[in-house]
Amino acid sequence: NIMAWTGCVAGAIRESDYLQGLREAGIREVAVEDRLVYDEDFLRGFIADGNFPLGIEDLEPLLKQMEGKIWSARIVGTK
């Protein structure tokens, strides 16, 4: 879903800031347990599947620049 993905990327913050915010909220033992870094092939497939309002031909020049800069993580902690 492009709206969800766009919202996620638009709201992205630095990992260190996010983890610090969790600690300040009282979460202890905060840790990144897993991370999925999106490579050029994943991004190309995501766009080619029609999940993006622009076509692959519009974004192809940017894929190399985006590679490794978009990722998701599983973060755990205790309250």
PDB file of N, CA and C in Angstrom:
ATOM      1  N   ASN A   1       0.849  -1.177   0.000  1.00  0.00           N
ATOM      2  CA  ASN A   1       0.000   0.000   0.000  1.00  0.00           C
ATOM      3  C   ASN A   1       0.891   1.235   0.000  1.00  0.00           C
ATOM      4  N   ILE A   2       0.794   2.034  -1.028  1.00  0.00           N
ATOM      5  CA  ILE A   2       1.671   3.193  -1.186  1.00  0.00           C
ATOM      6  C   ILE A   2       1.474   4.234  -0.093  1.00  0.00           C
ATOM      7  N   MET A   3       0.247   4.420   0.346  1.00  0.00           N
ATOM      8  CA  MET A   3       0.003   5.421   1.389  1.00  0.00           C
ATOM      9  C   MET A   3       0.694   5.023   2.696  1.00  0.00           C
ATOM     10  N   ALA A   4       0.626   3.755   3.039  1.00  0.00           N
ATOM     11  CA  ALA A   4       1.286   3.286   4.259  1.00  0.00           C
ATOM     12  C   ALA A   4       2.797   3.415   4.136  1.00  0.00           C
ATOM     13  N   TRP A   5       3.336   3.025   2.984  1.00  0.00           N
ATOM     14  CA  TRP A   5       4.775   3.081   2.782  1.00  0.00           C
ATOM     15  C   TRP A   5       5.268   4.519   2.803  1.00  0.00           C
ATOM     16  N   THR A   6       4.571   5.398   2.113  1.00  0.00           N
ATOM     17  CA  THR A   6       4.950   6.812   2.073  1.00  0.00           C
ATOM     18  C   THR A   6       4.898   7.420   3.464  1.00  0.00           C
ATOM     19  N   GLY A   7       3.853   7.106   4.211  1.00  0.00           N
ATOM     20  CA  GLY A   7       3.737   7.611   5.575  1.00  0.00           C
ATOM     21  C   GLY A   7       4.863   7.120   6.456  1.00  0.00           C
ATOM     22  N   CYS A   8       5.235   5.874   6.258  1.00  0.00           N
ATOM     23  CA  CYS A   8       6.325   5.295   7.042  1.00  0.00           C
ATOM     24  C   CYS A   8       7.644   5.994   6.736  1.00  0.00           C
ATOM     25  N   VAL A   9       7.962   6.136   5.471  1.00  0.00           N
ATOM     26  CA  VAL A   9       9.218   6.767   5.075  1.00  0.00           C
ATOM     27  C   VAL A   9       9.225   8.247   5.445  1.00  0.00           C
ATOM     28  N   ALA A  10       8.102   8.925   5.257  1.00  0.00           N
ATOM     29  CA  ALA A  10       8.023  10.354   5.569  1.00  0.00           C
ATOM     30  C   ALA A  10       8.189  10.608   7.060  1.00  0.00           C
ATOM     31  N   GLY A  11       7.748   9.679   7.873  1.00  0.00           N
ATOM     32  CA  GLY A  11       7.834   9.837   9.320  1.00  0.00           C
ATOM     33  C   GLY A  11       9.090   9.238   9.920  1.00  0.00           C
ATOM     34  N   ALA A  12      10.006   8.836   9.081  1.00  0.00           N
ATOM     35  CA  ALA A  12      11.207   8.167   9.565  1.00  0.00           C
ATOM     36  C   ALA A  12      12.091   9.123  10.365  1.00  0.00           C
ATOM     37  N   ILE A  13      12.672   8.580  11.425  1.00  0.00           N
ATOM     38  CA  ILE A  13      13.636   9.333  12.226  1.00  0.00           C
ATOM     39  C   ILE A  13      14.893   8.483  12.380  1.00  0.00           C
ATOM     40  N   ARG A  14      15.938   9.081  12.869  1.00  0.00           N
ATOM     41  CA  ARG A  14      17.175   8.330  13.086  1.00  0.00           C
ATOM     42  C   ARG A  14      16.956   7.269  14.150  1.00  0.00           C
ATOM     43  N   GLU A  15      17.582   6.143  13.961  1.00  0.00           N
ATOM     44  CA  GLU A  15      17.441   5.036  14.909  1.00  0.00           C
ATOM     45  C   GLU A  15      17.810   5.459  16.327  1.00  0.00           C
ATOM     46  N   SER A  16      18.899   6.170  16.475  1.00  0.00           N
ATOM     47  CA  SER A  16      19.347   6.574  17.808  1.00  0.00           C
ATOM     48  C   SER A  16      18.316   7.462  18.499  1.00  0.00           C
ATOM     49  N   ASP A  17      17.669   8.348  17.751  1.00  0.00           N
ATOM     50  CA  ASP A  17      16.629   9.208  18.323  1.00  0.00           C
ATOM     51  C   ASP A  17      15.421   8.385  18.761  1.00  0.00           C
ATOM     52  N   TYR A  18      15.040   7.406  17.947  1.00  0.00           N
ATOM     53  CA  TYR A  18      13.895   6.558  18.274  1.00  0.00           C
ATOM     54  C   TYR A  18      14.173   5.744  19.542  1.00  0.00           C
ATOM     55  N   LEU A  19      15.349   5.131  19.611  1.00  0.00           N
ATOM     56  CA  LEU A  19      15.699   4.332  20.784  1.00  0.00           C
ATOM     57  C   LEU A  19      15.776   5.200  22.037  1.00  0.00           C
ATOM     58  N   GLN A  20      16.321   6.397  21.906  1.00  0.00           N
ATOM     59  CA  GLN A  20      16.388   7.309  23.044  1.00  0.00           C
ATOM     60  C   GLN A  20      14.989   7.695  23.510  1.00  0.00           C
ATOM     61  N   GLY A  21      14.082   7.931  22.580  1.00  0.00           N
ATOM     62  CA  GLY A  21      12.698   8.253  22.926  1.00  0.00           C
ATOM     63  C   GLY A  21      12.032   7.126  23.697  1.00  0.00           C
ATOM     64  N   LEU A  22      12.301   5.894  23.300  1.00  0.00           N
ATOM     65  CA  LEU A  22      11.757   4.746  24.039  1.00  0.00           C
ATOM     66  C   LEU A  22      12.302   4.718  25.463  1.00  0.00           C
ATOM     67  N   ARG A  23      13.597   4.950  25.602  1.00  0.00           N
ATOM     68  CA  ARG A  23      14.210   4.961  26.942  1.00  0.00           C
ATOM     69  C   ARG A  23      13.625   6.076  27.801  1.00  0.00           C
ATOM     70  N   GLU A  24      13.439   7.246  27.209  1.00  0.00           N
ATOM     71  CA  GLU A  24      12.864   8.372  27.949  1.00  0.00           C
ATOM     72  C   GLU A  24      11.418   8.106  28.346  1.00  0.00           C
ATOM     73  N   ALA A  25      10.738   7.238  27.612  1.00  0.00           N
ATOM     74  CA  ALA A  25       9.354   6.871  27.929  1.00  0.00           C
ATOM     75  C   ALA A  25       9.291   5.766  28.981  1.00  0.00           C
ATOM     76  N   GLY A  26      10.449   5.339  29.468  1.00  0.00           N
ATOM     77  CA  GLY A  26      10.475   4.342  30.526  1.00  0.00           C
ATOM     78  C   GLY A  26      10.686   2.909  30.071  1.00  0.00           C
ATOM     79  N   ILE A  27      10.977   2.717  28.807  1.00  0.00           N
ATOM     80  CA  ILE A  27      11.245   1.373  28.295  1.00  0.00           C
ATOM     81  C   ILE A  27      12.707   1.031  28.603  1.00  0.00           C
ATOM     82  N   ARG A  28      12.912  -0.144  29.201  1.00  0.00           N
ATOM     83  CA  ARG A  28      14.268  -0.585  29.555  1.00  0.00           C
ATOM     84  C   ARG A  28      14.733  -1.683  28.597  1.00  0.00           C
ATOM     85  N   GLU A  29      16.001  -1.925  28.605  1.00  0.00           N
ATOM     86  CA  GLU A  29      16.599  -3.001  27.810  1.00  0.00           C
ATOM     87  C   GLU A  29      16.186  -2.902  26.335  1.00  0.00           C
ATOM     88  N   VAL A  30      16.223  -1.701  25.811  1.00  0.00           N
ATOM     89  CA  VAL A  30      15.855  -1.449  24.415  1.00  0.00           C
ATOM     90  C   VAL A  30      16.950  -2.003  23.506  1.00  0.00           C
ATOM     91  N   ALA A  31      16.532  -2.775  22.504  1.00  0.00           N
ATOM     92  CA  ALA A  31      17.505  -3.351  21.579  1.00  0.00           C
ATOM     93  C   ALA A  31      16.866  -3.584  20.212  1.00  0.00           C
ATOM     94  N   VAL A  32      17.675  -3.435  19.189  1.00  0.00           N
ATOM     95  CA  VAL A  32      17.252  -3.794  17.834  1.00  0.00           C
ATOM     96  C   VAL A  32      17.592  -5.270  17.660  1.00  0.00           C
ATOM     97  N   GLU A  33      16.562  -6.113  17.542  1.00  0.00           N
ATOM     98  CA  GLU A  33      16.788  -7.555  17.421  1.00  0.00           C
ATOM     99  C   GLU A  33      16.957  -8.014  15.986  1.00  0.00           C
ATOM    100  N   ASP A  34      16.349  -7.320  15.065  1.00  0.00           N
ATOM    101  CA  ASP A  34      16.431  -7.737  13.673  1.00  0.00           C
ATOM    102  C   ASP A  34      16.247  -6.513  12.786  1.00  0.00           C
ATOM    103  N   ARG A  35      16.876  -6.545  11.638  1.00  0.00           N
ATOM    104  CA  ARG A  35      16.755  -5.420  10.708  1.00  0.00           C
ATOM    105  C   ARG A  35      16.708  -5.971   9.284  1.00  0.00           C
ATOM    106  N   LEU A  36      15.814  -5.417   8.488  1.00  0.00           N
ATOM    107  CA  LEU A  36      15.725  -5.765   7.075  1.00  0.00           C
ATOM    108  C   LEU A  36      16.047  -4.509   6.278  1.00  0.00           C
ATOM    109  N   VAL A  37      17.197  -4.536   5.624  1.00  0.00           N
ATOM    110  CA  VAL A  37      17.638  -3.398   4.814  1.00  0.00           C
ATOM    111  C   VAL A  37      17.228  -3.667   3.371  1.00  0.00           C
ATOM    112  N   TYR A  38      16.534  -2.716   2.773  1.00  0.00           N
ATOM    113  CA  TYR A  38      16.025  -2.890   1.418  1.00  0.00           C
ATOM    114  C   TYR A  38      17.103  -2.568   0.395  1.00  0.00           C
ATOM    115  N   ASP A  39      17.440  -3.581  -0.403  1.00  0.00           N
ATOM    116  CA  ASP A  39      18.452  -3.379  -1.437  1.00  0.00           C
ATOM    117  C   ASP A  39      17.798  -2.916  -2.744  1.00  0.00           C
ATOM    118  N   GLU A  40      18.631  -2.685  -3.729  1.00  0.00           N
ATOM    119  CA  GLU A  40      18.151  -2.154  -5.009  1.00  0.00           C
ATOM    120  C   GLU A  40      17.128  -3.088  -5.660  1.00  0.00           C
ATOM    121  N   ASP A  41      17.356  -4.391  -5.603  1.00  0.00           N
ATOM    122  CA  ASP A  41      16.425  -5.345  -6.209  1.00  0.00           C
ATOM    123  C   ASP A  41      15.065  -5.320  -5.527  1.00  0.00           C
ATOM    124  N   PHE A  42      15.056  -5.237  -4.189  1.00  0.00           N
ATOM    125  CA  PHE A  42      13.780  -5.169  -3.472  1.00  0.00           C
ATOM    126  C   PHE A  42      13.024  -3.906  -3.867  1.00  0.00           C
ATOM    127  N   LEU A  43      13.716  -2.778  -3.873  1.00  0.00           N
ATOM    128  CA  LEU A  43      13.073  -1.513  -4.226  1.00  0.00           C
ATOM    129  C   LEU A  43      12.543  -1.537  -5.656  1.00  0.00           C
ATOM    130  N   ARG A  44      13.315  -2.104  -6.571  1.00  0.00           N
ATOM    131  CA  ARG A  44      12.881  -2.205  -7.967  1.00  0.00           C
ATOM    132  C   ARG A  44      11.608  -3.053  -8.055  1.00  0.00           C
ATOM    133  N   GLY A  45      11.571  -4.176  -7.353  1.00  0.00           N
ATOM    134  CA  GLY A  45      10.393  -5.033  -7.348  1.00  0.00           C
ATOM    135  C   GLY A  45       9.187  -4.357  -6.733  1.00  0.00           C
ATOM    136  N   PHE A  46       9.414  -3.622  -5.656  1.00  0.00           N
ATOM    137  CA  PHE A  46       8.333  -2.904  -4.985  1.00  0.00           C
ATOM    138  C   PHE A  46       7.690  -1.901  -5.935  1.00  0.00           C
ATOM    139  N   ILE A  47       8.520  -1.179  -6.657  1.00  0.00           N
ATOM    140  CA  ILE A  47       8.022  -0.180  -7.607  1.00  0.00           C
ATOM    141  C   ILE A  47       7.354  -0.865  -8.797  1.00  0.00           C
ATOM    142  N   ALA A  48       7.987  -1.906  -9.322  1.00  0.00           N
ATOM    143  CA  ALA A  48       7.457  -2.607 -10.497  1.00  0.00           C
ATOM    144  C   ALA A  48       6.109  -3.263 -10.218  1.00  0.00           C
ATOM    145  N   ASP A  49       5.850  -3.634  -8.970  1.00  0.00           N
ATOM    146  CA  ASP A  49       4.575  -4.260  -8.604  1.00  0.00           C
ATOM    147  C   ASP A  49       3.426  -3.260  -8.560  1.00  0.00           C
ATOM    148  N   GLY A  50       3.700  -1.999  -8.866  1.00  0.00           N
ATOM    149  CA  GLY A  50       2.642  -0.994  -8.888  1.00  0.00           C
ATOM    150  C   GLY A  50       2.360  -0.389  -7.531  1.00  0.00           C
ATOM    151  N   ASN A  51       3.292  -0.515  -6.605  1.00  0.00           N
ATOM    152  CA  ASN A  51       3.113   0.013  -5.255  1.00  0.00           C
ATOM    153  C   ASN A  51       3.558   1.460  -5.116  1.00  0.00           C
ATOM    154  N   PHE A  52       3.862   2.089  -6.219  1.00  0.00           N
ATOM    155  CA  PHE A  52       4.384   3.447  -6.175  1.00  0.00           C
ATOM    156  C   PHE A  52       3.733   4.238  -7.297  1.00  0.00           C
ATOM    157  N   PRO A  53       3.390   5.501  -7.064  1.00  0.00           N
ATOM    158  CA  PRO A  53       2.672   6.261  -8.094  1.00  0.00           C
ATOM    159  C   PRO A  53       3.495   6.556  -9.346  1.00  0.00           C
ATOM    160  N   LEU A  54       4.810   6.527  -9.244  1.00  0.00           N
ATOM    161  CA  LEU A  54       5.666   6.744 -10.412  1.00  0.00           C
ATOM    162  C   LEU A  54       6.111   5.399 -10.954  1.00  0.00           C
ATOM    163  N   GLY A  55       6.449   5.356 -12.213  1.00  0.00           N
ATOM    164  CA  GLY A  55       6.912   4.121 -12.826  1.00  0.00           C
ATOM    165  C   GLY A  55       8.385   3.879 -12.568  1.00  0.00           C
ATOM    166  N   ILE A  56       8.800   2.641 -12.829  1.00  0.00           N
ATOM    167  CA  ILE A  56      10.192   2.262 -12.622  1.00  0.00           C
ATOM    168  C   ILE A  56      11.126   3.113 -13.477  1.00  0.00           C
ATOM    169  N   GLU A  57      10.677   3.494 -14.674  1.00  0.00           N
ATOM    170  CA  GLU A  57      11.535   4.309 -15.542  1.00  0.00           C
ATOM    171  C   GLU A  57      11.806   5.683 -14.933  1.00  0.00           C
ATOM    172  N   ASP A  58      10.864   6.182 -14.124  1.00  0.00           N
ATOM    173  CA  ASP A  58      11.054   7.479 -13.463  1.00  0.00           C
ATOM    174  C   ASP A  58      12.013   7.381 -12.281  1.00  0.00           C
ATOM    175  N   LEU A  59      12.013   6.230 -11.634  1.00  0.00           N
ATOM    176  CA  LEU A  59      12.784   6.089 -10.401  1.00  0.00           C
ATOM    177  C   LEU A  59      14.084   5.313 -10.554  1.00  0.00           C
ATOM    178  N   GLU A  60      14.266   4.669 -11.679  1.00  0.00           N
ATOM    179  CA  GLU A  60      15.472   3.859 -11.898  1.00  0.00           C
ATOM    180  C   GLU A  60      16.763   4.614 -11.560  1.00  0.00           C
ATOM    181  N   PRO A  61      16.912   5.877 -11.980  1.00  0.00           N
ATOM    182  CA  PRO A  61      18.155   6.593 -11.664  1.00  0.00           C
ATOM    183  C   PRO A  61      18.382   6.793 -10.160  1.00  0.00           C
ATOM    184  N   LEU A  62      17.329   6.722  -9.364  1.00  0.00           N
ATOM    185  CA  LEU A  62      17.457   6.972  -7.926  1.00  0.00           C
ATOM    186  C   LEU A  62      17.672   5.710  -7.101  1.00  0.00           C
ATOM    187  N   LEU A  63      17.447   4.539  -7.693  1.00  0.00           N
ATOM    188  CA  LEU A  63      17.494   3.296  -6.924  1.00  0.00           C
ATOM    189  C   LEU A  63      18.833   3.084  -6.230  1.00  0.00           C
ATOM    190  N   LYS A  64      19.922   3.330  -6.922  1.00  0.00           N
ATOM    191  CA  LYS A  64      21.246   3.130  -6.330  1.00  0.00           C
ATOM    192  C   LYS A  64      21.437   4.049  -5.123  1.00  0.00           C
ATOM    193  N   GLN A  65      20.905   5.268  -5.203  1.00  0.00           N
ATOM    194  CA  GLN A  65      21.026   6.214  -4.093  1.00  0.00           C
ATOM    195  C   GLN A  65      20.180   5.794  -2.896  1.00  0.00           C
ATOM    196  N   MET A  66      19.039   5.147  -3.154  1.00  0.00           N
ATOM    197  CA  MET A  66      18.132   4.744  -2.075  1.00  0.00           C
ATOM    198  C   MET A  66      18.560   3.439  -1.419  1.00  0.00           C
ATOM    199  N   GLU A  67      19.339   2.631  -2.135  1.00  0.00           N
ATOM    200  CA  GLU A  67      19.726   1.319  -1.627  1.00  0.00           C
ATOM    201  C   GLU A  67      20.411   1.433  -0.264  1.00  0.00           C
ATOM    202  N   GLY A  68      19.938   0.641   0.681  1.00  0.00           N
ATOM    203  CA  GLY A  68      20.527   0.610   2.012  1.00  0.00           C
ATOM    204  C   GLY A  68      20.080   1.720   2.939  1.00  0.00           C
ATOM    205  N   LYS A  69      19.313   2.672   2.441  1.00  0.00           N
ATOM    206  CA  LYS A  69      18.881   3.802   3.262  1.00  0.00           C
ATOM    207  C   LYS A  69      17.463   3.639   3.782  1.00  0.00           C
ATOM    208  N   ILE A  70      16.751   2.642   3.277  1.00  0.00           N
ATOM    209  CA  ILE A  70      15.390   2.367   3.729  1.00  0.00           C
ATOM    210  C   ILE A  70      15.401   0.981   4.346  1.00  0.00           C
ATOM    211  N   TRP A  71      14.931   0.880   5.570  1.00  0.00           N
ATOM    212  CA  TRP A  71      14.932  -0.406   6.253  1.00  0.00           C
ATOM    213  C   TRP A  71      13.846  -0.441   7.309  1.00  0.00           C
ATOM    214  N   SER A  72      13.562  -1.630   7.754  1.00  0.00           N
ATOM    215  CA  SER A  72      12.631  -1.800   8.864  1.00  0.00           C
ATOM    216  C   SER A  72      13.347  -2.614   9.935  1.00  0.00           C
ATOM    217  N   ALA A  73      12.883  -2.486  11.161  1.00  0.00           N
ATOM    218  CA  ALA A  73      13.553  -3.163  12.267  1.00  0.00           C
ATOM    219  C   ALA A  73      12.540  -3.694  13.268  1.00  0.00           C
ATOM    220  N   ARG A  74      12.961  -4.742  13.973  1.00  0.00           N
ATOM    221  CA  ARG A  74      12.176  -5.252  15.099  1.00  0.00           C
ATOM    222  C   ARG A  74      12.923  -4.816  16.356  1.00  0.00           C
ATOM    223  N   ILE A  75      12.264  -3.972  17.125  1.00  0.00           N
ATOM    224  CA  ILE A  75      12.860  -3.394  18.325  1.00  0.00           C
ATOM    225  C   ILE A  75      12.103  -3.924  19.532  1.00  0.00           C
ATOM    226  N   VAL A  76      12.851  -4.354  20.538  1.00  0.00           N
ATOM    227  CA  VAL A  76      12.232  -4.903  21.744  1.00  0.00           C
ATOM    228  C   VAL A  76      12.699  -4.126  22.963  1.00  0.00           C
ATOM    229  N   GLY A  77      11.943  -4.259  24.042  1.00  0.00           N
ATOM    230  CA  GLY A  77      12.287  -3.632  25.308  1.00  0.00           C
ATOM    231  C   GLY A  77      11.309  -4.102  26.370  1.00  0.00           C
ATOM    232  N   THR A  78      11.545  -3.700  27.598  1.00  0.00           N
ATOM    233  CA  THR A  78      10.639  -4.063  28.689  1.00  0.00           C
ATOM    234  C   THR A  78      10.154  -2.806  29.382  1.00  0.00           C
ATOM    235  N   LYS A  79       8.927  -2.875  29.876  1.00  0.00           N
ATOM    236  CA  LYS A  79       8.324  -1.738  30.576  1.00  0.00           C
ATOM    237  C   LYS A  79       8.244  -2.063  32.045  1.00  0.00           C
TER     238      LYS A  79
END
